[in-house]
Amino acid sequence: MSDALRTSRFNEGRGYFFIYGMDGINLMHPIFPDLEGKNLLEVQDVRGNRIMQDHIDTMKEKGEGFSRWWYPKPGNLKEEFEKIGYAKWFESLDLYIGTGEYIVNVEEDIKEQLLQWITEVRFGEHGYIFVLDQYGNTLSHYNKDKIKPQKYN
């Protein structure tokens, strides 16, 4: 099972699965394989959240659920970013499988999808919506030639 999940990706390759035992031991982590076999029950994020303990508490209470924590991004290990994740407890195996996504990436995906959707909205024959940022940059416009490189005040 862990070999199949190790290579599974989603959310444009950013999303992945991890596996932990209910004792806090990392059983599989495709991004940080050096964590495998280590007990991370006491690991805290920058906000003082005990990440694995919070996951385990949720699993014991509900069998599955969402959680939030702060964690470094691959390629930027010196800074921590807010993540939201979901995990499911497999009681018979005494482990849970989870996944997480960085909030900043989700927000960027939503922004890009919304701006793309706005370019397609029309009102009557000549009406349309466009979006500008605080610097006057055109972020979305039916005429894609109007979308220019970013300028700042």
Protein backbone atom coordinates (compact mmCIF):
# COMPACT_ATOMS: atom_id res chain seq x y z
CA MET A 1 0.00 0.00 0.00
CA SER A 2 2.71 2.52 0.92
CA ASP A 3 4.55 1.99 -2.39
CA ALA A 4 1.40 2.86 -4.35
CA LEU A 5 0.75 5.95 -2.24
CA ARG A 6 4.39 7.07 -2.27
CA THR A 7 4.19 8.00 -5.96
CA SER A 8 0.58 9.28 -6.02
CA ARG A 9 0.29 13.02 -6.65
CA PHE A 10 -2.57 15.47 -7.11
CA ASN A 11 -3.17 19.26 -7.10
CA GLU A 12 -0.78 19.76 -10.00
CA GLY A 13 1.81 17.48 -8.40
CA ARG A 14 1.91 19.26 -5.04
CA GLY A 15 -0.42 16.93 -3.17
CA TYR A 16 0.77 13.65 -1.69
CA PHE A 17 -0.16 11.11 0.97
CA PHE A 18 1.64 10.28 4.23
CA ILE A 19 1.16 7.37 6.62
CA TYR A 20 1.61 7.37 10.41
CA GLY A 21 1.11 4.75 13.04
CA MET A 22 -1.23 5.67 15.88
CA ASP A 23 1.89 5.72 18.07
CA GLY A 24 3.30 8.69 16.10
CA ILE A 25 5.83 6.74 14.04
CA ASN A 26 6.13 7.90 10.45
CA LEU A 27 5.59 4.91 8.18
CA MET A 28 5.78 6.69 4.83
CA HIS A 29 6.49 10.25 3.73
CA PRO A 30 7.33 10.72 0.02
CA ILE A 31 8.66 14.27 0.39
CA PHE A 32 10.75 13.73 3.55
CA PRO A 33 11.72 10.03 3.51
CA ASP A 34 14.32 10.67 6.22
CA LEU A 35 11.37 10.95 8.65
CA GLU A 36 10.32 7.35 8.03
CA GLY A 37 10.68 5.13 11.09
CA LYS A 38 10.92 8.10 13.45
CA ASN A 39 8.50 8.84 16.26
CA LEU A 40 7.24 12.38 15.68
CA LEU A 41 4.62 12.45 18.42
CA GLU A 42 6.27 15.38 20.20
CA VAL A 43 7.10 17.44 17.10
CA GLN A 44 5.64 20.94 17.26
CA ASP A 45 5.10 23.48 14.55
CA VAL A 46 6.05 27.14 14.98
CA ARG A 47 2.71 27.81 16.66
CA GLY A 48 3.27 25.13 19.29
CA ASN A 49 0.81 22.65 17.77
CA ARG A 50 1.82 19.04 18.31
CA ILE A 51 1.06 18.01 14.74
CA MET A 52 0.99 14.21 15.07
CA GLN A 53 -0.69 14.27 18.46
CA ASP A 54 -3.42 16.52 17.05
CA HIS A 55 -3.90 14.11 14.13
CA ILE A 56 -4.05 11.10 16.45
CA ASP A 57 -6.50 12.82 18.81
CA THR A 58 -8.78 13.58 15.83
CA MET A 59 -8.50 9.99 14.59
CA LYS A 60 -9.39 8.56 18.00
CA GLU A 61 -12.31 10.95 18.44
CA LYS A 62 -13.83 10.89 14.94
CA GLY A 63 -11.98 8.26 12.89
CA GLU A 64 -11.17 10.93 10.31
CA GLY A 65 -11.04 14.67 10.01
CA PHE A 66 -9.36 17.93 9.13
CA SER A 67 -6.45 19.58 10.89
CA ARG A 68 -4.23 22.65 10.49
CA TRP A 69 -0.52 23.08 11.10
CA TRP A 70 2.53 25.03 9.93
CA TYR A 71 5.24 23.20 7.98
CA PRO A 72 8.15 24.00 5.63
CA LYS A 73 7.60 23.76 1.89
CA PRO A 74 9.92 21.60 -0.20
CA GLY A 75 12.59 23.94 -1.52
CA ASN A 76 12.01 26.41 1.33
CA LEU A 77 12.86 24.53 4.52
CA LYS A 78 13.72 27.67 6.52
CA GLU A 79 10.18 29.09 6.51
CA GLU A 80 6.96 27.47 7.61
CA PHE A 81 3.62 27.85 5.84
CA GLU A 82 0.09 27.11 6.99
CA LYS A 83 -1.27 23.76 5.86
CA ILE A 84 -4.65 22.15 6.03
CA GLY A 85 -4.95 18.42 5.88
CA TYR A 86 -7.32 15.51 6.05
CA ALA A 87 -6.63 12.07 7.50
CA LYS A 88 -8.50 8.77 7.88
CA TRP A 89 -7.80 6.14 10.55
CA PHE A 90 -7.59 2.51 9.50
CA GLU A 91 -8.25 1.02 12.91
CA SER A 92 -7.54 -2.60 11.93
CA LEU A 93 -4.04 -1.57 10.77
CA ASP A 94 -3.54 0.91 13.66
CA LEU A 95 -2.45 3.64 11.25
CA TYR A 96 -3.82 6.67 9.50
CA ILE A 97 -3.31 7.99 6.01
CA GLY A 98 -3.39 11.70 5.50
CA THR A 99 -2.69 14.44 3.08
CA GLY A 100 -2.18 18.15 3.33
CA GLU A 101 -1.98 21.22 1.18
CA TYR A 102 -0.43 24.61 1.74
CA ILE A 103 -3.11 27.28 2.10
CA VAL A 104 -1.12 29.73 -0.03
CA ASN A 105 -1.15 27.24 -2.94
CA VAL A 106 -4.90 26.67 -2.64
CA GLU A 107 -5.52 30.42 -2.58
CA GLU A 108 -3.34 30.92 -5.67
CA ASP A 109 -5.18 28.13 -7.53
CA ILE A 110 -8.56 29.66 -6.68
CA LYS A 111 -7.38 33.13 -7.71
CA GLU A 112 -6.13 31.85 -11.07
CA GLN A 113 -9.34 29.89 -11.72
CA LEU A 114 -11.51 32.86 -10.78
CA LEU A 115 -9.54 35.28 -12.96
CA GLN A 116 -9.80 32.86 -15.88
CA TRP A 117 -13.55 32.46 -15.33
CA ILE A 118 -14.02 36.26 -15.25
CA THR A 119 -12.38 36.60 -18.69
CA GLU A 120 -15.26 34.54 -20.11
CA VAL A 121 -18.17 36.46 -18.52
CA ARG A 122 -20.15 38.63 -20.93
CA PHE A 123 -23.16 40.92 -20.54
CA GLY A 124 -25.10 41.39 -23.74
CA GLU A 125 -23.08 42.01 -26.89
CA HIS A 126 -20.39 44.33 -25.52
CA GLY A 127 -20.39 44.05 -21.74
CA TYR A 128 -17.62 42.34 -19.82
CA ILE A 129 -15.86 42.33 -16.44
CA PHE A 130 -12.20 43.09 -15.87
CA VAL A 131 -10.09 43.08 -12.72
CA LEU A 132 -7.34 45.50 -11.71
CA ASP A 133 -5.05 45.29 -8.70
CA GLN A 134 -4.13 48.21 -6.43
CA TYR A 135 -1.31 49.24 -8.81
CA GLY A 136 -3.49 49.37 -11.91
CA ASN A 137 -2.30 46.06 -13.31
CA THR A 138 -4.93 44.28 -15.37
CA LEU A 139 -5.34 40.82 -13.85
CA SER A 140 -8.29 39.64 -15.90
CA HIS A 141 -9.78 40.94 -19.15
CA TYR A 142 -11.70 39.41 -22.05
CA ASN A 143 -8.93 40.73 -24.32
CA LYS A 144 -5.90 38.79 -23.08
CA ASP A 145 -3.58 41.31 -24.81
CA LYS A 146 -4.64 43.82 -22.12
CA ILE A 147 -3.11 41.63 -19.41
CA LYS A 148 0.42 43.02 -19.02
CA PRO A 149 3.45 42.18 -16.87
CA GLN A 150 3.18 43.42 -13.32
CA LYS A 151 4.12 47.00 -12.50
CA TYR A 152 4.28 48.49 -9.00
CA ASN A 153 4.01 51.99 -7.59
